[in-house]
C-alpha atoms as a PDB file:
ATOM      1  CA  UNK A   1     -27.287  -8.253  57.337  1.00  0.00           C
ATOM      2  CA  UNK A   2     -29.565 -11.272  57.547  1.00  0.00           C
ATOM      3  CA  UNK A   3     -30.947 -13.033  54.498  1.00  0.00           C
ATOM      4  CA  UNK A   4     -33.552 -11.286  52.382  1.00  0.00           C
ATOM      5  CA  UNK A   5     -37.081 -12.401  53.318  1.00  0.00           C
ATOM      6  CA  UNK A   6     -39.351 -13.929  50.701  1.00  0.00           C
ATOM      7  CA  UNK A   7     -43.067 -14.590  50.618  1.00  0.00           C
ATOM      8  CA  UNK A   8     -44.320 -17.633  52.528  1.00  0.00           C
ATOM      9  CA  UNK A   9     -46.583 -20.147  50.703  1.00  0.00           C
ATOM     10  CA  UNK A  10     -50.275 -20.570  51.500  1.00  0.00           C
ATOM     11  CA  UNK A  11     -49.724 -24.148  52.668  1.00  0.00           C
ATOM     12  CA  UNK A  12     -47.406 -22.876  55.433  1.00  0.00           C
ATOM     13  CA  UNK A  13     -50.007 -20.309  56.544  1.00  0.00           C
ATOM     14  CA  UNK A  14     -52.722 -22.969  56.674  1.00  0.00           C
ATOM     15  CA  UNK A  15     -50.378 -25.220  58.710  1.00  0.00           C
ATOM     16  CA  UNK A  16     -49.791 -22.309  61.053  1.00  0.00           C
ATOM     17  CA  UNK A  17     -53.509 -21.795  61.466  1.00  0.00           C
ATOM     18  CA  UNK A  18     -53.934 -25.409  62.532  1.00  0.00           C
ATOM     19  CA  UNK A  19     -50.862 -25.239  64.807  1.00  0.00           C
ATOM     20  CA  UNK A  20     -52.092 -22.072  66.534  1.00  0.00           C
ATOM     21  CA  UNK A  21     -55.645 -23.303  67.090  1.00  0.00           C
ATOM     22  CA  UNK A  22     -55.009 -23.992  70.780  1.00  0.00           C
ATOM     23  CA  UNK A  23     -52.939 -20.867  71.296  1.00  0.00           C
ATOM     24  CA  UNK A  24     -54.800 -17.875  69.797  1.00  0.00           C
ATOM     25  CA  UNK A  25     -58.411 -16.840  69.513  1.00  0.00           C
ATOM     26  CA  UNK A  26     -60.196 -16.253  66.210  1.00  0.00           C
ATOM     27  CA  UNK A  27     -60.422 -12.526  66.807  1.00  0.00           C
ATOM     28  CA  UNK A  28     -63.745 -10.803  66.046  1.00  0.00           C
ATOM     29  CA  UNK A  29     -64.408  -8.530  63.105  1.00  0.00           C
ATOM     30  CA  UNK A  30     -66.427  -5.562  64.370  1.00  0.00           C
ATOM     31  CA  UNK A  31     -68.156  -2.865  62.308  1.00  0.00           C
ATOM     32  CA  UNK A  32     -67.005   0.671  63.044  1.00  0.00           C
ATOM     33  CA  UNK A  33     -70.066   2.925  62.965  1.00  0.00           C
ATOM     34  CA  UNK A  34     -68.021   6.086  63.415  1.00  0.00           C
ATOM     35  CA  UNK A  35     -66.489   6.090  59.946  1.00  0.00           C
ATOM     36  CA  UNK A  36     -67.170   8.498  57.086  1.00  0.00           C
ATOM     37  CA  UNK A  37     -70.573   8.001  55.404  1.00  0.00           C
ATOM     38  CA  UNK A  38     -68.964   6.858  52.137  1.00  0.00           C
ATOM     39  CA  UNK A  39     -66.875   4.155  53.875  1.00  0.00           C
ATOM     40  CA  UNK A  40     -67.726   0.791  55.358  1.00  0.00           C
ATOM     41  CA  UNK A  41     -65.006   0.126  57.996  1.00  0.00           C
ATOM     42  CA  UNK A  42     -64.424  -3.063  59.983  1.00  0.00           C
ATOM     43  CA  UNK A  43     -62.023  -3.593  62.890  1.00  0.00           C
ATOM     44  CA  UNK A  44     -60.061  -6.829  63.256  1.00  0.00           C
ATOM     45  CA  UNK A  45     -59.606  -7.028  67.015  1.00  0.00           C
ATOM     46  CA  UNK A  46     -56.176  -8.545  67.594  1.00  0.00           C
ATOM     47  CA  UNK A  47     -56.024  -6.557  70.823  1.00  0.00           C
ATOM     48  CA  UNK A  48     -58.152  -9.365  72.294  1.00  0.00           C
ATOM     49  CA  UNK A  49     -55.398 -12.002  71.928  1.00  0.00           C
ATOM     50  CA  UNK A  50     -54.068 -13.559  75.194  1.00  0.00           C
ATOM     51  CA  UNK A  51     -51.117 -11.112  75.404  1.00  0.00           C
ATOM     52  CA  UNK A  52     -53.071  -8.098  74.207  1.00  0.00           C
ATOM     53  CA  UNK A  53     -51.649  -8.094  70.672  1.00  0.00           C
ATOM     54  CA  UNK A  54     -51.279 -10.080  67.456  1.00  0.00           C
ATOM     55  CA  UNK A  55     -47.672 -11.012  68.324  1.00  0.00           C
ATOM     56  CA  UNK A  56     -48.698 -14.327  69.877  1.00  0.00           C
ATOM     57  CA  UNK A  57     -49.450 -15.543  66.343  1.00  0.00           C
ATOM     58  CA  UNK A  58     -45.987 -15.087  64.750  1.00  0.00           C
ATOM     59  CA  UNK A  59     -44.095 -15.963  67.894  1.00  0.00           C
ATOM     60  CA  UNK A  60     -46.330 -18.863  68.785  1.00  0.00           C
ATOM     61  CA  UNK A  61     -45.915 -20.418  65.336  1.00  0.00           C
ATOM     62  CA  UNK A  62     -42.179 -19.768  65.246  1.00  0.00           C
ATOM     63  CA  UNK A  63     -41.708 -21.590  68.559  1.00  0.00           C
ATOM     64  CA  UNK A  64     -44.148 -24.454  67.927  1.00  0.00           C
ATOM     65  CA  UNK A  65     -42.299 -25.375  64.729  1.00  0.00           C
ATOM     66  CA  UNK A  66     -39.104 -25.981  66.728  1.00  0.00           C
ATOM     67  CA  UNK A  67     -38.172 -29.057  68.786  1.00  0.00           C
ATOM     68  CA  UNK A  68     -38.801 -28.398  72.477  1.00  0.00           C
ATOM     69  CA  UNK A  69     -35.211 -29.438  73.270  1.00  0.00           C
ATOM     70  CA  UNK A  70     -33.912 -26.469  71.213  1.00  0.00           C
ATOM     71  CA  UNK A  71     -35.769 -24.100  73.570  1.00  0.00           C
ATOM     72  CA  UNK A  72     -34.487 -25.520  76.855  1.00  0.00           C
ATOM     73  CA  UNK A  73     -31.814 -22.827  77.367  1.00  0.00           C
ATOM     74  CA  UNK A  74     -34.537 -20.169  77.321  1.00  0.00           C
ATOM     75  CA  UNK A  75     -35.911 -17.542  74.952  1.00  0.00           C
ATOM     76  CA  UNK A  76     -35.181 -13.886  74.473  1.00  0.00           C
ATOM     77  CA  UNK A  77     -36.170 -11.116  72.101  1.00  0.00           C
ATOM     78  CA  UNK A  78     -35.628  -7.402  71.578  1.00  0.00           C
ATOM     79  CA  UNK A  79     -38.944  -5.627  71.731  1.00  0.00           C
ATOM     80  CA  UNK A  80     -40.648  -2.436  72.830  1.00  0.00           C
ATOM     81  CA  UNK A  81     -43.237  -4.615  74.531  1.00  0.00           C
ATOM     82  CA  UNK A  82     -45.612  -6.760  72.540  1.00  0.00           C
ATOM     83  CA  UNK A  83     -43.154  -9.268  71.058  1.00  0.00           C
ATOM     84  CA  UNK A  84     -41.590  -9.638  74.495  1.00  0.00           C
ATOM     85  CA  UNK A  85     -45.000 -10.215  76.043  1.00  0.00           C
ATOM     86  CA  UNK A  86     -45.715 -12.995  73.482  1.00  0.00           C
ATOM     87  CA  UNK A  87     -42.306 -14.579  74.095  1.00  0.00           C
ATOM     88  CA  UNK A  88     -42.821 -14.519  77.840  1.00  0.00           C
ATOM     89  CA  UNK A  89     -46.329 -15.952  77.542  1.00  0.00           C
ATOM     90  CA  UNK A  90     -45.194 -18.772  75.261  1.00  0.00           C
ATOM     91  CA  UNK A  91     -42.151 -19.441  77.478  1.00  0.00           C
ATOM     92  CA  UNK A  92     -44.393 -19.946  80.455  1.00  0.00           C
ATOM     93  CA  UNK A  93     -46.564 -22.385  78.473  1.00  0.00           C
ATOM     94  CA  UNK A  94     -43.479 -24.257  77.346  1.00  0.00           C
ATOM     95  CA  UNK A  95     -41.794 -24.250  80.802  1.00  0.00           C
ATOM     96  CA  UNK A  96     -38.663 -22.337  79.803  1.00  0.00           C
ATOM     97  CA  UNK A  97     -37.177 -18.986  80.971  1.00  0.00           C
ATOM     98  CA  UNK A  98     -37.684 -15.750  79.015  1.00  0.00           C
ATOM     99  CA  UNK A  99     -35.726 -12.519  78.770  1.00  0.00           C
ATOM    100  CA  UNK A 100     -36.933  -9.241  77.218  1.00  0.00           C
ATOM    101  CA  UNK A 101     -34.412  -6.741  75.843  1.00  0.00           C
ATOM    102  CA  UNK A 102     -36.307  -3.445  75.951  1.00  0.00           C
ATOM    103  CA  UNK A 103     -35.409   0.163  75.090  1.00  0.00           C
ATOM    104  CA  UNK A 104     -35.015   2.414  78.087  1.00  0.00           C
ATOM    105  CA  UNK A 105     -38.222   4.246  77.194  1.00  0.00           C
ATOM    106  CA  UNK A 106     -40.415   1.140  76.990  1.00  0.00           C
ATOM    107  CA  UNK A 107     -44.015   1.752  78.141  1.00  0.00           C
ATOM    108  CA  UNK A 108     -44.559   0.924  81.834  1.00  0.00           C
ATOM    109  CA  UNK A 109     -47.862  -0.778  81.040  1.00  0.00           C
ATOM    110  CA  UNK A 110     -46.026  -3.384  78.983  1.00  0.00           C
ATOM    111  CA  UNK A 111     -43.166  -3.748  81.490  1.00  0.00           C
ATOM    112  CA  UNK A 112     -45.706  -4.419  84.215  1.00  0.00           C
ATOM    113  CA  UNK A 113     -47.250  -7.246  82.212  1.00  0.00           C
ATOM    114  CA  UNK A 114     -43.794  -8.674  81.455  1.00  0.00           C
ATOM    115  CA  UNK A 115     -43.011  -8.843  85.158  1.00  0.00           C
ATOM    116  CA  UNK A 116     -46.338 -10.594  85.861  1.00  0.00           C
ATOM    117  CA  UNK A 117     -45.384 -13.249  83.311  1.00  0.00           C
ATOM    118  CA  UNK A 118     -42.073 -13.854  85.064  1.00  0.00           C
ATOM    119  CA  UNK A 119     -39.853 -12.472  82.326  1.00  0.00           C
ATOM    120  CA  UNK A 120     -36.394 -11.119  83.045  1.00  0.00           C
ATOM    121  CA  UNK A 121     -36.169  -7.533  81.740  1.00  0.00           C
ATOM    122  CA  UNK A 122     -32.927  -6.025  80.432  1.00  0.00           C
ATOM    123  CA  UNK A 123     -33.114  -2.298  79.589  1.00  0.00           C
ATOM    124  CA  UNK A 124     -30.781  -1.088  76.815  1.00  0.00           C
ATOM    125  CA  UNK A 125     -30.099   2.250  75.206  1.00  0.00           C
ATOM    126  CA  UNK A 126     -32.139   2.699  72.029  1.00  0.00           C
ATOM    127  CA  UNK A 127     -29.079   2.299  69.798  1.00  0.00           C
ATOM    128  CA  UNK A 128     -27.995  -0.946  71.478  1.00  0.00           C
ATOM    129  CA  UNK A 129     -31.565  -2.249  71.434  1.00  0.00           C
ATOM    130  CA  UNK A 130     -32.013  -1.429  67.743  1.00  0.00           C
ATOM    131  CA  UNK A 131     -28.657  -3.100  66.952  1.00  0.00           C
ATOM    132  CA  UNK A 132     -29.952  -6.293  68.568  1.00  0.00           C
ATOM    133  CA  UNK A 133     -33.020  -6.136  66.330  1.00  0.00           C
ATOM    134  CA  UNK A 134     -30.962  -5.441  63.201  1.00  0.00           C
ATOM    135  CA  UNK A 135     -28.516  -8.285  63.859  1.00  0.00           C
ATOM    136  CA  UNK A 136     -31.048 -10.755  65.261  1.00  0.00           C
ATOM    137  CA  UNK A 137     -29.568 -11.221  68.696  1.00  0.00           C
ATOM    138  CA  UNK A 138     -27.259 -10.013  71.432  1.00  0.00           C
ATOM    139  CA  UNK A 139     -23.841 -11.610  72.153  1.00  0.00           C
ATOM    140  CA  UNK A 140     -24.293 -11.465  75.964  1.00  0.00           C
ATOM    141  CA  UNK A 141     -27.664 -13.209  76.050  1.00  0.00           C
ATOM    142  CA  UNK A 142     -28.016 -16.963  76.366  1.00  0.00           C
ATOM    143  CA  UNK A 143     -30.816 -18.918  74.761  1.00  0.00           C
ATOM    144  CA  UNK A 144     -32.748 -18.689  71.476  1.00  0.00           C
ATOM    145  CA  UNK A 145     -33.377 -15.276  69.973  1.00  0.00           C
ATOM    146  CA  UNK A 146     -36.984 -15.086  68.759  1.00  0.00           C
ATOM    147  CA  UNK A 147     -37.500 -12.889  65.693  1.00  0.00           C
ATOM    148  CA  UNK A 148     -41.148 -11.896  65.209  1.00  0.00           C
ATOM    149  CA  UNK A 149     -40.532 -10.237  61.845  1.00  0.00           C
ATOM    150  CA  UNK A 150     -38.012 -12.053  59.658  1.00  0.00           C
ATOM    151  CA  UNK A 151     -38.567 -15.702  60.632  1.00  0.00           C
ATOM    152  CA  UNK A 152     -40.614 -17.336  57.825  1.00  0.00           C
ATOM    153  CA  UNK A 153     -42.607 -19.263  60.479  1.00  0.00           C
ATOM    154  CA  UNK A 154     -43.437 -15.941  62.120  1.00  0.00           C
ATOM    155  CA  UNK A 155     -44.655 -14.531  58.807  1.00  0.00           C
ATOM    156  CA  UNK A 156     -46.844 -17.591  58.394  1.00  0.00           C
ATOM    157  CA  UNK A 157     -48.323 -16.914  61.817  1.00  0.00           C
ATOM    158  CA  UNK A 158     -49.098 -13.350  60.763  1.00  0.00           C
ATOM    159  CA  UNK A 159     -50.703 -14.706  57.643  1.00  0.00           C
ATOM    160  CA  UNK A 160     -53.354 -16.492  59.674  1.00  0.00           C
ATOM    161  CA  UNK A 161     -54.921 -13.050  60.304  1.00  0.00           C
ATOM    162  CA  UNK A 162     -55.339 -12.668  56.561  1.00  0.00           C
ATOM    163  CA  UNK A 163     -57.049 -16.069  56.313  1.00  0.00           C
ATOM    164  CA  UNK A 164     -59.471 -15.085  59.080  1.00  0.00           C
ATOM    165  CA  UNK A 165     -60.291 -11.709  57.547  1.00  0.00           C
ATOM    166  CA  UNK A 166     -61.044 -13.308  54.167  1.00  0.00           C
ATOM    167  CA  UNK A 167     -63.319 -15.846  55.845  1.00  0.00           C
ATOM    168  CA  UNK A 168     -65.107 -13.220  57.933  1.00  0.00           C
ATOM    169  CA  UNK A 169     -65.544 -10.530  55.269  1.00  0.00           C
ATOM    170  CA  UNK A 170     -64.897 -11.889  51.744  1.00  0.00           C
ATOM    171  CA  UNK A 171     -66.227  -8.699  50.068  1.00  0.00           C
ATOM    172  CA  UNK A 172     -63.588  -6.391  51.499  1.00  0.00           C
ATOM    173  CA  UNK A 173     -61.616  -4.262  49.065  1.00  0.00           C
ATOM    174  CA  UNK A 174     -58.603  -3.413  51.230  1.00  0.00           C
ATOM    175  CA  UNK A 175     -56.913  -4.225  54.548  1.00  0.00           C
ATOM    176  CA  UNK A 176     -55.202  -1.402  56.451  1.00  0.00           C
ATOM    177  CA  UNK A 177     -52.335  -2.597  58.621  1.00  0.00           C
ATOM    178  CA  UNK A 178     -50.007  -0.800  61.072  1.00  0.00           C
ATOM    179  CA  UNK A 179     -46.428  -0.973  59.767  1.00  0.00           C
ATOM    180  CA  UNK A 180     -43.733  -1.512  62.388  1.00  0.00           C
ATOM    181  CA  UNK A 181     -41.142  -4.178  61.463  1.00  0.00           C
ATOM    182  CA  UNK A 182     -43.263  -5.186  58.484  1.00  0.00           C
ATOM    183  CA  UNK A 183     -44.040  -8.747  59.469  1.00  0.00           C
ATOM    184  CA  UNK A 184     -47.750  -8.146  60.131  1.00  0.00           C
ATOM    185  CA  UNK A 185     -48.494  -6.373  56.869  1.00  0.00           C
ATOM    186  CA  UNK A 186     -46.320  -8.673  54.757  1.00  0.00           C
ATOM    187  CA  UNK A 187     -47.619 -11.829  56.451  1.00  0.00           C
ATOM    188  CA  UNK A 188     -51.257 -10.838  55.911  1.00  0.00           C
ATOM    189  CA  UNK A 189     -50.381  -9.975  52.287  1.00  0.00           C
ATOM    190  CA  UNK A 190     -48.918 -13.429  51.701  1.00  0.00           C
ATOM    191  CA  UNK A 191     -52.291 -14.997  52.516  1.00  0.00           C
ATOM    192  CA  UNK A 192     -54.338 -12.413  50.668  1.00  0.00           C
ATOM    193  CA  UNK A 193     -52.207 -12.494  47.507  1.00  0.00           C
ATOM    194  CA  UNK A 194     -52.748 -16.241  47.282  1.00  0.00           C
ATOM    195  CA  UNK A 195     -56.510 -16.177  47.751  1.00  0.00           C
ATOM    196  CA  UNK A 196     -57.744 -12.754  46.617  1.00  0.00           C
ATOM    197  CA  UNK A 197     -54.983 -10.937  44.726  1.00  0.00           C
ATOM    198  CA  UNK A 198     -57.235  -8.003  43.836  1.00  0.00           C
ATOM    199  CA  UNK A 199     -57.555  -6.992  47.470  1.00  0.00           C
ATOM    200  CA  UNK A 200     -55.264  -4.104  48.387  1.00  0.00           C
ATOM    201  CA  UNK A 201     -52.874  -4.053  51.362  1.00  0.00           C
ATOM    202  CA  UNK A 202     -52.322  -0.545  52.756  1.00  0.00           C
ATOM    203  CA  UNK A 203     -49.517   0.039  55.244  1.00  0.00           C
ATOM    204  CA  UNK A 204     -50.223   2.731  57.864  1.00  0.00           C
ATOM    205  CA  UNK A 205     -47.564   4.869  59.505  1.00  0.00           C
ATOM    206  CA  UNK A 206     -47.167   8.075  61.474  1.00  0.00           C
ATOM    207  CA  UNK A 207     -46.610  11.300  59.538  1.00  0.00           C
ATOM    208  CA  UNK A 208     -43.796  12.040  62.001  1.00  0.00           C
ATOM    209  CA  UNK A 209     -42.192   8.564  61.608  1.00  0.00           C
ATOM    210  CA  UNK A 210     -42.725   6.901  58.247  1.00  0.00           C
ATOM    211  CA  UNK A 211     -39.824   4.634  57.304  1.00  0.00           C
ATOM    212  CA  UNK A 212     -41.744   2.604  54.704  1.00  0.00           C
ATOM    213  CA  UNK A 213     -43.272   5.618  52.927  1.00  0.00           C
ATOM    214  CA  UNK A 214     -39.837   7.279  52.915  1.00  0.00           C
ATOM    215  CA  UNK A 215     -38.219   4.165  51.447  1.00  0.00           C
ATOM    216  CA  UNK A 216     -40.923   3.879  48.750  1.00  0.00           C
ATOM    217  CA  UNK A 217     -40.337   7.457  47.678  1.00  0.00           C
ATOM    218  CA  UNK A 218     -36.586   6.935  47.595  1.00  0.00           C
ATOM    219  CA  UNK A 219     -36.764   3.497  45.950  1.00  0.00           C
ATOM    220  CA  UNK A 220     -34.437   2.100  48.626  1.00  0.00           C
ATOM    221  CA  UNK A 221     -34.065   1.655  52.352  1.00  0.00           C
ATOM    222  CA  UNK A 222     -33.006   5.008  53.800  1.00  0.00           C
ATOM    223  CA  UNK A 223     -32.844   6.509  57.258  1.00  0.00           C
ATOM    224  CA  UNK A 224     -35.467   9.138  58.031  1.00  0.00           C
ATOM    225  CA  UNK A 225     -36.297  11.429  60.932  1.00  0.00           C
ATOM    226  CA  UNK A 226     -38.631   9.723  63.380  1.00  0.00           C
ATOM    227  CA  UNK A 227     -40.709  11.023  66.276  1.00  0.00           C
ATOM    228  CA  UNK A 228     -43.223   8.426  67.367  1.00  0.00           C
ATOM    229  CA  UNK A 229     -44.488  10.379  70.370  1.00  0.00           C
ATOM    230  CA  UNK A 230     -46.715   8.286  72.617  1.00  0.00           C
ATOM    231  CA  UNK A 231     -46.931   5.475  70.050  1.00  0.00           C
ATOM    232  CA  UNK A 232     -44.607   2.475  70.537  1.00  0.00           C
ATOM    233  CA  UNK A 233     -43.997  -0.427  68.192  1.00  0.00           C
ATOM    234  CA  UNK A 234     -44.044   1.555  64.928  1.00  0.00           C
ATOM    235  CA  UNK A 235     -42.154   4.530  63.510  1.00  0.00           C
ATOM    236  CA  UNK A 236     -38.481   3.515  63.512  1.00  0.00           C
ATOM    237  CA  UNK A 237     -35.748   5.330  61.622  1.00  0.00           C
ATOM    238  CA  UNK A 238     -35.770   2.842  58.769  1.00  0.00           C
ATOM    239  CA  UNK A 239     -37.271  -0.448  57.721  1.00  0.00           C
ATOM    240  CA  UNK A 240     -35.223  -3.613  58.135  1.00  0.00           C
ATOM    241  CA  UNK A 241     -33.300  -4.093  54.847  1.00  0.00           C
ATOM    242  CA  UNK A 242     -34.232  -7.793  54.711  1.00  0.00           C
ATOM    243  CA  UNK A 243     -37.917  -6.815  54.525  1.00  0.00           C
ATOM    244  CA  UNK A 244     -37.582  -4.325  51.707  1.00  0.00           C
ATOM    245  CA  UNK A 245     -38.156  -6.622  48.727  1.00  0.00           C
ATOM    246  CA  UNK A 246     -41.104  -8.388  50.315  1.00  0.00           C
ATOM    247  CA  UNK A 247     -42.655  -5.118  51.420  1.00  0.00           C
ATOM    248  CA  UNK A 248     -42.296  -3.806  47.885  1.00  0.00           C
ATOM    249  CA  UNK A 249     -44.076  -6.849  46.498  1.00  0.00           C
ATOM    250  CA  UNK A 250     -46.726  -6.933  49.211  1.00  0.00           C
ATOM    251  CA  UNK A 251     -47.780  -3.368  49.977  1.00  0.00           C
ATOM    252  CA  UNK A 252     -49.962  -1.508  47.488  1.00  0.00           C
ATOM    253  CA  UNK A 253     -50.036   1.891  49.187  1.00  0.00           C
ATOM    254  CA  UNK A 254     -49.165   3.746  52.369  1.00  0.00           C
ATOM    255  CA  UNK A 255     -51.167   6.195  54.449  1.00  0.00           C
ATOM    256  CA  UNK A 256     -49.661   8.398  57.142  1.00  0.00           C
ATOM    257  CA  UNK A 257     -51.605   9.896  60.064  1.00  0.00           C
ATOM    258  CA  UNK A 258     -50.791  12.425  62.805  1.00  0.00           C
ATOM    259  CA  UNK A 259     -50.382  11.639  66.471  1.00  0.00           C
ATOM    260  CA  UNK A 260     -53.563  13.682  67.105  1.00  0.00           C
ATOM    261  CA  UNK A 261     -55.477  11.496  64.624  1.00  0.00           C
ATOM    262  CA  UNK A 262     -54.203   8.377  66.356  1.00  0.00           C
ATOM    263  CA  UNK A 263     -55.401   9.711  69.710  1.00  0.00           C
ATOM    264  CA  UNK A 264     -58.768  10.518  68.140  1.00  0.00           C
ATOM    265  CA  UNK A 265     -59.050   7.005  66.783  1.00  0.00           C
ATOM    266  CA  UNK A 266     -58.313   5.542  70.217  1.00  0.00           C
ATOM    267  CA  UNK A 267     -60.972   7.772  71.720  1.00  0.00           C
ATOM    268  CA  UNK A 268     -63.548   6.905  69.047  1.00  0.00           C
ATOM    269  CA  UNK A 269     -63.007   3.172  69.458  1.00  0.00           C
ATOM    270  CA  UNK A 270     -63.322   3.415  73.252  1.00  0.00           C
ATOM    271  CA  UNK A 271     -66.435   5.531  73.186  1.00  0.00           C
ATOM    272  CA  UNK A 272     -68.257   4.080  70.185  1.00  0.00           C
ATOM    273  CA  UNK A 273     -67.132   0.409  70.130  1.00  0.00           C
ATOM    274  CA  UNK A 274     -65.912  -0.195  73.685  1.00  0.00           C
ATOM    275  CA  UNK A 275     -62.556  -1.248  72.229  1.00  0.00           C
ATOM    276  CA  UNK A 276     -59.254  -0.294  73.852  1.00  0.00           C
ATOM    277  CA  UNK A 277     -56.356   0.058  71.406  1.00  0.00           C
ATOM    278  CA  UNK A 278     -52.772   1.131  71.972  1.00  0.00           C
ATOM    279  CA  UNK A 279     -51.163   3.737  69.743  1.00  0.00           C
ATOM    280  CA  UNK A 280     -49.702   1.310  67.206  1.00  0.00           C
ATOM    281  CA  UNK A 281     -52.982  -0.610  67.093  1.00  0.00           C
ATOM    282  CA  UNK A 282     -54.907   2.582  66.323  1.00  0.00           C
ATOM    283  CA  UNK A 283     -52.648   3.820  63.494  1.00  0.00           C
ATOM    284  CA  UNK A 284     -54.591   1.733  60.980  1.00  0.00           C
ATOM    285  CA  UNK A 285     -57.942   2.851  62.390  1.00  0.00           C
ATOM    286  CA  UNK A 286     -56.859   6.511  62.183  1.00  0.00           C
ATOM    287  CA  UNK A 287     -55.928   5.876  58.542  1.00  0.00           C
ATOM    288  CA  UNK A 288     -59.331   4.315  57.881  1.00  0.00           C
ATOM    289  CA  UNK A 289     -61.176   7.193  59.549  1.00  0.00           C
ATOM    290  CA  UNK A 290     -59.141  10.147  58.369  1.00  0.00           C
ATOM    291  CA  UNK A 291     -56.961   8.985  55.451  1.00  0.00           C
ATOM    292  CA  UNK A 292     -57.501   9.227  51.719  1.00  0.00           C
ATOM    293  CA  UNK A 293     -58.029   5.972  49.835  1.00  0.00           C
ATOM    294  CA  UNK A 294     -60.376   4.925  47.012  1.00  0.00           C
ATOM    295  CA  UNK A 295     -61.751   1.741  48.438  1.00  0.00           C
ATOM    296  CA  UNK A 296     -65.138   1.798  50.161  1.00  0.00           C
ATOM    297  CA  UNK A 297     -65.282  -1.471  52.159  1.00  0.00           C
ATOM    298  CA  UNK A 298     -62.110  -1.913  54.259  1.00  0.00           C
ATOM    299  CA  UNK A 299     -60.752  -3.581  57.373  1.00  0.00           C
ATOM    300  CA  UNK A 300     -58.379  -1.916  59.813  1.00  0.00           C
ATOM    301  CA  UNK A 301     -56.246  -4.346  61.878  1.00  0.00           C
ATOM    302  CA  UNK A 302     -56.215  -3.314  65.540  1.00  0.00           C
ATOM    303  CA  UNK A 303     -52.880  -4.910  66.250  1.00  0.00           C
ATOM    304  CA  UNK A 304     -52.711  -4.367  70.008  1.00  0.00           C
ATOM    305  CA  UNK A 305     -54.411  -2.965  73.096  1.00  0.00           C
ATOM    306  CA  UNK A 306     -51.701  -2.651  75.739  1.00  0.00           C
ATOM    307  CA  UNK A 307     -52.376   0.946  76.631  1.00  0.00           C
ATOM    308  CA  UNK A 308     -51.591   2.364  80.074  1.00  0.00           C
ATOM    309  CA  UNK A 309     -54.446   3.710  82.185  1.00  0.00           C
ATOM    310  CA  UNK A 310     -52.884   7.157  82.499  1.00  0.00           C
ATOM    311  CA  UNK A 311     -52.393   7.469  78.768  1.00  0.00           C
ATOM    312  CA  UNK A 312     -55.955   6.292  78.110  1.00  0.00           C
ATOM    313  CA  UNK A 313     -57.291   8.810  80.601  1.00  0.00           C
ATOM    314  CA  UNK A 314     -55.401  11.619  78.847  1.00  0.00           C
ATOM    315  CA  UNK A 315     -56.777  10.587  75.462  1.00  0.00           C
ATOM    316  CA  UNK A 316     -60.355  10.237  76.717  1.00  0.00           C
ATOM    317  CA  UNK A 317     -60.078  13.776  78.085  1.00  0.00           C
ATOM    318  CA  UNK A 318     -59.397  14.986  74.559  1.00  0.00           C
ATOM    319  CA  UNK A 319     -55.642  15.475  74.737  1.00  0.00           C
ATOM    320  CA  UNK A 320     -52.655  13.889  73.011  1.00  0.00           C
ATOM    321  CA  UNK A 321     -50.214  12.251  75.489  1.00  0.00           C
ATOM    322  CA  UNK A 322     -46.948  14.154  75.681  1.00  0.00           C
ATOM    323  CA  UNK A 323     -48.319  17.143  73.861  1.00  0.00           C
ATOM    324  CA  UNK A 324     -48.344  20.651  75.395  1.00  0.00           C
ATOM    325  CA  UNK A 325     -51.435  21.523  73.393  1.00  0.00           C
END
């Protein structure tokens, strides 16, 4: 097991914000008019980042804090898509090769973008891929392994989203965040806890794949059944043990939503706000629209928008991808 991850200080997050100024956009905060009448919901559009997801923030900061000479042998990561896209995009900017270790069921929409960025793609069985994530590397891969979750510099990059949200909407009561590896929610929380500790951080998961909610009920990291359906990037069998303490300190509550609710959230955003979100990016929006929480004024982080055209077409037609109903 790798070392336990601790909170990153506000000064590191502010440094990351300055470092990333030429890499990421200050993503818009858009009001969601389709929410319940007793809620005021905003959408933080990280799907508009250069690679289609927030991952360019943690990975960009993690790489820009390292000497360029240490990257010369190339970069690689284990990812279902978005982390790999950010690594490939940064590698091209830095002039070094990139390799993506992907599970054998990785979404074709993300693989297509990886190829366009010139990344080498290595498909692994899910177990082998997950082992690479757990151990932080693969013995047969040359170059630097880029960890978008447990690297403190990556967490600081995630924290820049929290800084932006507080600047854009200082009267918010809660931020709803998709929970995959935990870096996004915990990084945002590090910034929020330092500047507005009364604001709540709510982690959002699938009802059919809820490793954090399961661990919170058990009081420890435990394996749980997981069926993420058409959603990639969240809903693994367990959370990473190194993230457990920080998640416990950072997350105030969890909300779980169904795959049908995620599809509905994608459809609502496309039709009402002209926003395209992928499944993981819509988990938080589904929680804001359909979940139970006491806060009135909230922000849902739309973490990514790399959704295939076929899947989007299915959802816009009112169906849930992969469902027989």
